[in-house]
Amino acid sequence: MIKKTLLIFLLGIFCITPTFSAQNQSYDNRYFSTENDNESEEEFYPEFEYPLTDETPSTANSSKQSSSKNYSLIYQNLEPADFSYLHDMDPDQYYDIKDTTWAPYPLLRLNSYIYFKNQTIEPGYYLINPREHNGKWYMLFKQNGRVMHIIPTYERSITPMDFYETHLPKPKLTKAQKIHIGVLNFIGKTKSSKRREPVKSYMEINDLENYFVSIIIYYGDHKYSTLFRTIRL
């Protein structure tokens, strides 16, 4: 009886071993065979691809850095104005305000000192407008009609379309006021005595790195940019 049981056990081992070894062989060939190393790497470790863009990340970062402005260099290259106005009066201001009841210049409320080269602009209220002199553009800071500071601009560009429509607040009118203004506009089209629409203006102030401040004036069809510092060098 014992011999018969031992014989059956040996026959079972003999029958199972080839199947197990065949499975091990396929397992070994899949994970350890040198012939399939490249295929396994491609299957489990696919090569990384950049997104489908015109520039790789390295060139994209370099283009962003090159597009940023070097405000320190811009400020260094700006030259202070070498002229002044007689009695500190802007002679062209009359032509800007002769058709309006108020000055069309943007109003700056300055709460702290700002500096441009050797000029110190004190806190207070200033009307600012651009003005050309010998082919260069400057910002005039005015108080009570007098030109207090003349600051050169580093950039002059075109005002974007519909800029004023999206940034300037629109007055809320009643139905009676709308009808009244509509009648005045209709009469004004038939008479030459109607005043022209004043020049639209807008102002942006931005804090920049390294204690710089950018003031951008939108005046009519152009915008003008200049730089100041919040600390004296």
Protein backbone atom coordinates (compact mmCIF):
# COMPACT_ATOMS: atom_id res chain seq x y z
CA MET A 1 0.00 0.00 0.00
CA ILE A 2 2.80 2.41 0.88
CA LYS A 3 4.68 1.57 -2.31
CA LYS A 4 1.56 2.20 -4.40
CA THR A 5 1.00 5.65 -2.79
CA LEU A 6 4.66 6.62 -3.26
CA LEU A 7 4.46 5.64 -6.94
CA ILE A 8 1.40 7.81 -7.53
CA PHE A 9 3.09 10.77 -5.81
CA LEU A 10 6.19 10.48 -8.00
CA LEU A 11 4.10 10.26 -11.17
CA GLY A 12 2.24 13.45 -10.17
CA ILE A 13 5.44 15.41 -9.68
CA PHE A 14 6.74 14.21 -13.04
CA CYS A 15 3.58 15.42 -14.82
CA ILE A 16 3.39 18.85 -13.13
CA THR A 17 7.07 19.87 -13.45
CA PRO A 18 7.18 20.46 -17.28
CA THR A 19 4.17 22.74 -17.14
CA PHE A 20 5.61 24.78 -14.28
CA SER A 21 9.00 25.04 -15.95
CA ALA A 22 7.40 26.14 -19.19
CA GLN A 23 5.54 28.87 -17.38
CA ASN A 24 8.77 29.95 -15.64
CA GLN A 25 10.54 30.01 -18.96
CA SER A 26 7.94 32.34 -20.49
CA TYR A 27 8.09 34.50 -17.35
CA ASP A 28 11.89 34.63 -17.55
CA ASN A 29 11.79 35.46 -21.26
CA ARG A 30 9.37 38.32 -20.65
CA TYR A 31 11.27 40.05 -17.87
CA PHE A 32 14.90 38.89 -18.08
CA SER A 33 15.63 38.09 -21.71
CA THR A 34 18.20 40.43 -23.23
CA GLU A 35 16.51 40.16 -26.64
CA ASN A 36 13.35 41.91 -25.41
CA ASP A 37 15.00 44.62 -23.29
CA ASN A 38 14.30 47.42 -25.79
CA GLU A 39 10.71 46.34 -26.37
CA SER A 40 10.00 46.22 -22.64
CA GLU A 41 11.48 49.68 -22.12
CA GLU A 42 9.35 51.14 -24.92
CA GLU A 43 6.27 49.49 -23.48
CA PHE A 44 6.69 50.50 -19.85
CA TYR A 45 8.81 53.68 -20.21
CA PRO A 46 7.57 55.64 -23.27
CA GLU A 47 9.72 58.51 -24.47
CA PHE A 48 8.56 61.95 -23.23
CA GLU A 49 7.38 64.35 -25.94
CA TYR A 50 7.00 68.13 -25.74
CA PRO A 51 3.55 69.59 -26.46
CA LEU A 52 2.76 70.40 -30.06
CA THR A 53 3.88 74.03 -30.00
CA ASP A 54 6.20 76.14 -32.11
CA GLU A 55 8.79 76.38 -29.37
CA THR A 56 10.20 74.09 -26.71
CA PRO A 57 9.91 74.99 -23.02
CA SER A 58 13.44 76.33 -22.93
CA THR A 59 12.87 78.69 -25.85
CA ALA A 60 9.46 79.66 -24.47
CA ASN A 61 10.98 80.71 -21.15
CA SER A 62 13.73 82.64 -22.86
CA SER A 63 11.22 84.48 -25.03
CA LYS A 64 9.19 85.46 -21.96
CA GLN A 65 12.29 86.76 -20.22
CA SER A 66 13.36 88.71 -23.27
CA SER A 67 9.90 90.28 -23.58
CA SER A 68 10.00 91.62 -20.00
CA LYS A 69 11.23 95.20 -19.72
CA ASN A 70 14.46 96.12 -18.02
CA TYR A 71 13.10 99.03 -15.99
CA SER A 72 16.46 99.78 -14.39
CA LEU A 73 18.03 100.30 -17.81
CA ILE A 74 15.04 102.29 -19.08
CA TYR A 75 15.20 104.57 -16.05
CA GLN A 76 18.95 105.02 -16.43
CA ASN A 77 18.59 106.03 -20.09
CA LEU A 78 15.86 108.61 -19.45
CA GLU A 79 17.27 112.12 -19.60
CA PRO A 80 15.75 114.94 -17.52
CA ALA A 81 14.14 117.80 -19.41
CA ASP A 82 16.57 120.53 -20.47
CA PHE A 83 13.89 123.19 -20.94
CA SER A 84 11.22 125.02 -18.95
CA TYR A 85 8.16 127.13 -19.68
CA LEU A 86 7.97 130.90 -19.27
CA HIS A 87 6.29 131.66 -15.94
CA ASP A 88 5.68 127.88 -15.65
CA MET A 89 2.67 128.21 -17.98
CA ASP A 90 1.88 125.61 -20.66
CA PRO A 91 1.12 127.68 -23.79
CA ASP A 92 -0.80 124.86 -25.49
CA GLN A 93 -3.19 124.31 -22.59
CA TYR A 94 -5.56 126.95 -23.96
CA TYR A 95 -6.21 124.88 -27.09
CA ASP A 96 -6.92 121.77 -24.99
CA ILE A 97 -9.56 123.38 -22.77
CA LYS A 98 -11.12 126.10 -24.95
CA ASP A 99 -14.02 123.82 -25.97
CA THR A 100 -14.61 122.27 -22.54
CA THR A 101 -15.93 123.44 -19.18
CA TRP A 102 -13.23 121.53 -17.29
CA ALA A 103 -9.67 120.39 -17.96
CA PRO A 104 -9.64 117.03 -19.79
CA TYR A 105 -6.38 115.95 -18.12
CA PRO A 106 -6.32 112.96 -15.72
CA LEU A 107 -6.02 113.86 -12.05
CA LEU A 108 -3.34 112.20 -9.89
CA ARG A 109 -3.69 112.10 -6.13
CA LEU A 110 -0.23 111.40 -4.75
CA ASN A 111 -0.07 110.20 -1.15
CA SER A 112 3.71 109.85 -0.80
CA TYR A 113 6.91 111.15 -2.35
CA ILE A 114 8.12 109.79 -5.67
CA TYR A 115 11.42 110.63 -7.35
CA PHE A 116 12.77 111.07 -10.85
CA LYS A 117 16.51 111.54 -10.99
CA ASN A 118 17.09 114.85 -9.14
CA GLN A 119 13.42 115.83 -8.94
CA THR A 120 11.21 115.18 -5.93
CA ILE A 121 7.46 115.12 -6.54
CA GLU A 122 5.67 115.91 -3.31
CA PRO A 123 2.31 114.47 -2.22
CA GLY A 124 -0.69 116.37 -3.54
CA TYR A 125 -3.02 116.69 -6.52
CA TYR A 126 -1.64 116.99 -10.03
CA LEU A 127 -3.21 117.35 -13.45
CA ILE A 128 -1.05 115.43 -15.92
CA ASN A 129 -0.94 115.78 -19.67
CA PRO A 130 1.53 114.82 -22.40
CA ARG A 131 3.40 117.44 -24.38
CA GLU A 132 5.95 117.26 -27.22
CA HIS A 133 9.16 119.24 -27.28
CA ASN A 134 11.81 118.94 -30.01
CA GLY A 135 10.50 115.54 -31.11
CA LYS A 136 10.40 114.08 -27.58
CA TRP A 137 7.40 113.51 -25.37
CA TYR A 138 7.09 114.58 -21.76
CA MET A 139 4.51 114.47 -18.96
CA LEU A 140 3.63 117.81 -17.40
CA PHE A 141 2.66 117.77 -13.72
CA LYS A 142 0.50 120.83 -13.02
CA GLN A 143 -0.89 122.47 -9.90
CA ASN A 144 -3.15 125.54 -10.09
CA GLY A 145 -2.34 125.90 -13.78
CA ARG A 146 1.43 125.97 -13.21
CA VAL A 147 3.85 123.35 -14.54
CA MET A 148 5.57 121.91 -11.47
CA HIS A 149 7.51 119.04 -13.08
CA ILE A 150 8.46 117.96 -16.61
CA ILE A 151 9.11 114.20 -16.81
CA PRO A 152 10.29 112.41 -19.98
CA THR A 153 8.33 109.42 -21.26
CA TYR A 154 10.02 106.21 -22.34
CA GLU A 155 7.21 104.89 -24.56
CA ARG A 156 4.41 106.27 -26.71
CA SER A 157 1.98 103.89 -28.39
CA ILE A 158 -1.53 103.70 -29.81
CA THR A 159 -4.49 103.45 -27.43
CA PRO A 160 -6.31 100.11 -27.99
CA MET A 161 -9.66 100.25 -29.72
CA ASP A 162 -12.71 100.52 -27.43
CA PHE A 163 -10.38 101.18 -24.50
CA TYR A 164 -12.31 104.16 -23.17
CA GLU A 165 -15.66 102.43 -23.64
CA THR A 166 -14.56 99.57 -21.37
CA HIS A 167 -12.62 101.59 -18.76
CA LEU A 168 -14.43 104.91 -18.36
CA PRO A 169 -17.60 104.87 -16.24
CA LYS A 170 -20.83 105.70 -18.02
CA PRO A 171 -23.15 108.24 -16.36
CA LYS A 172 -26.55 106.97 -15.22
CA LEU A 173 -29.23 109.16 -16.77
CA THR A 174 -32.96 109.33 -16.24
CA LYS A 175 -35.38 109.10 -19.16
CA ALA A 176 -35.87 112.87 -19.09
CA GLN A 177 -32.12 113.47 -19.16
CA LYS A 178 -31.67 111.05 -22.07
CA ILE A 179 -34.40 112.84 -24.03
CA HIS A 180 -32.89 116.23 -23.21
CA ILE A 181 -29.38 115.16 -24.29
CA GLY A 182 -30.78 113.58 -27.43
CA VAL A 183 -32.49 116.83 -28.38
CA LEU A 184 -29.31 118.82 -27.69
CA ASN A 185 -27.25 116.40 -29.80
CA PHE A 186 -29.74 116.70 -32.66
CA ILE A 187 -29.71 120.49 -32.49
CA GLY A 188 -25.93 120.51 -32.19
CA LYS A 189 -25.60 118.59 -35.46
CA THR A 190 -27.48 121.31 -37.28
CA LYS A 191 -25.64 124.22 -35.63
CA SER A 192 -21.91 124.94 -35.68
CA SER A 193 -22.04 126.45 -32.19
CA LYS A 194 -22.05 123.03 -30.46
CA ARG A 195 -18.94 122.33 -28.42
CA ARG A 196 -16.76 119.47 -29.50
CA GLU A 197 -16.47 116.40 -27.32
CA PRO A 198 -13.47 116.75 -24.97
CA VAL A 199 -10.45 114.52 -25.34
CA LYS A 200 -10.85 111.27 -23.37
CA SER A 201 -8.17 110.38 -20.88
CA TYR A 202 -7.31 107.64 -18.40
CA MET A 203 -4.45 106.86 -16.01
CA GLU A 204 -2.80 103.67 -14.71
CA ILE A 205 -0.30 103.43 -11.83
CA ASN A 206 1.63 100.22 -11.18
CA ASP A 207 4.15 99.26 -8.51
CA LEU A 208 7.14 97.48 -10.06
CA GLU A 209 10.19 95.67 -8.76
CA ASN A 210 13.20 97.42 -7.23
CA TYR A 211 11.14 100.38 -5.95
CA PHE A 212 9.96 101.55 -9.37
CA VAL A 213 6.55 103.02 -10.15
CA SER A 214 5.06 103.20 -13.63
CA ILE A 215 2.57 105.92 -14.53
CA ILE A 216 0.75 105.46 -17.83
CA ILE A 217 -1.42 108.23 -19.26
CA TYR A 218 -4.03 107.49 -21.93
CA TYR A 219 -4.78 110.73 -23.70
CA GLY A 220 -6.78 110.70 -26.91
CA ASP A 221 -5.40 108.23 -29.45
CA HIS A 222 -2.11 107.54 -27.64
CA LYS A 223 -0.78 106.39 -24.32
CA TYR A 224 2.39 107.60 -22.64
CA SER A 225 4.53 105.76 -20.09
CA THR A 226 7.18 106.94 -17.67
CA LEU A 227 9.03 105.68 -14.57
CA PHE A 228 9.59 106.92 -11.06
CA ARG A 229 11.22 105.61 -7.93
CA THR A 230 9.73 105.40 -4.45
CA ILE A 231 13.12 105.82 -2.76
CA ARG A 232 15.89 108.27 -3.51
CA LEU A 233 19.10 106.80 -4.92
